[in-house]
Amino acid sequence: MIRPLKPGDQVVMHGCYEAHKEKYKDKVWTVESEPWDLCGSEVVRLEGHSGGFATEYLKRVEA
């Protein structure tokens, strides 16, 4: 079973429009919040990114 994202986790964007943009490609983000529901999607806040970002488009980076 996949562990839910939690604050402090390191993630990269994948499978979404933003993941292909040069400024976000291969960028490692830090999760700032616990996941919450936003209009039917599970989202988290990412350090340095405004608003919530859907967790289905985030992949945890293992240390």
Protein backbone atom coordinates (compact mmCIF):
# COMPACT_ATOMS: atom_id res chain seq x y z
CA MET A 1 0.00 0.00 0.00
CA ILE A 2 1.23 3.48 -0.87
CA ARG A 3 1.73 5.80 2.09
CA PRO A 4 -0.14 9.12 1.80
CA LEU A 5 1.97 12.23 1.31
CA LYS A 6 2.82 14.17 4.44
CA PRO A 7 4.61 17.44 5.25
CA GLY A 8 8.34 17.18 4.60
CA ASP A 9 8.02 14.59 1.80
CA GLN A 10 10.04 15.34 -1.34
CA VAL A 11 8.11 14.95 -4.61
CA VAL A 12 8.34 15.60 -8.36
CA MET A 13 5.47 16.38 -10.73
CA HIS A 14 4.61 13.73 -13.32
CA GLY A 15 1.89 13.01 -15.87
CA CYS A 16 0.58 16.57 -15.99
CA TYR A 17 1.05 19.75 -18.03
CA GLU A 18 3.33 21.35 -15.42
CA ALA A 19 5.70 18.35 -15.42
CA HIS A 20 6.64 19.14 -19.03
CA LYS A 21 7.32 22.85 -18.48
CA GLU A 22 11.05 23.58 -18.40
CA LYS A 23 10.91 25.45 -15.09
CA TYR A 24 9.18 22.52 -13.32
CA LYS A 25 10.80 19.59 -15.13
CA ASP A 26 12.74 17.43 -12.63
CA LYS A 27 12.22 20.04 -9.88
CA VAL A 28 12.03 18.49 -6.42
CA TRP A 29 9.28 20.03 -4.26
CA THR A 30 8.71 19.79 -0.51
CA VAL A 31 5.18 18.99 0.66
CA GLU A 32 4.00 21.66 3.15
CA SER A 33 0.58 20.33 4.20
CA GLU A 34 -1.46 17.26 4.93
CA PRO A 35 -3.63 16.23 1.94
CA TRP A 36 -7.17 17.65 1.74
CA ASP A 37 -10.11 17.34 -0.63
CA LEU A 38 -10.59 20.16 -3.13
CA CYS A 39 -13.60 19.71 -5.43
CA GLY A 40 -13.19 15.94 -5.44
CA SER A 41 -9.38 15.87 -5.87
CA GLU A 42 -6.86 15.17 -3.13
CA VAL A 43 -4.38 18.06 -3.03
CA VAL A 44 -1.41 19.27 -0.97
CA ARG A 45 0.47 22.55 -0.73
CA LEU A 46 3.98 22.56 -2.17
CA GLU A 47 6.72 24.88 -0.91
CA GLY A 48 7.10 27.71 -3.42
CA HIS A 49 3.94 26.86 -5.38
CA SER A 50 0.65 28.69 -4.92
CA GLY A 51 -2.57 26.82 -4.18
CA GLY A 52 -3.14 23.11 -3.84
CA PHE A 53 -1.62 20.58 -6.24
CA ALA A 54 -3.31 17.25 -7.02
CA THR A 55 -1.48 14.35 -5.38
CA GLU A 56 -2.24 12.06 -8.33
CA TYR A 57 0.35 14.08 -10.30
CA LEU A 58 3.06 13.88 -7.62
CA LYS A 59 5.62 11.13 -7.22
CA ARG A 60 7.54 10.75 -3.97
CA VAL A 61 11.33 10.94 -4.28
CA GLU A 62 12.95 8.26 -2.13
CA ALA A 63 16.11 9.25 -0.31
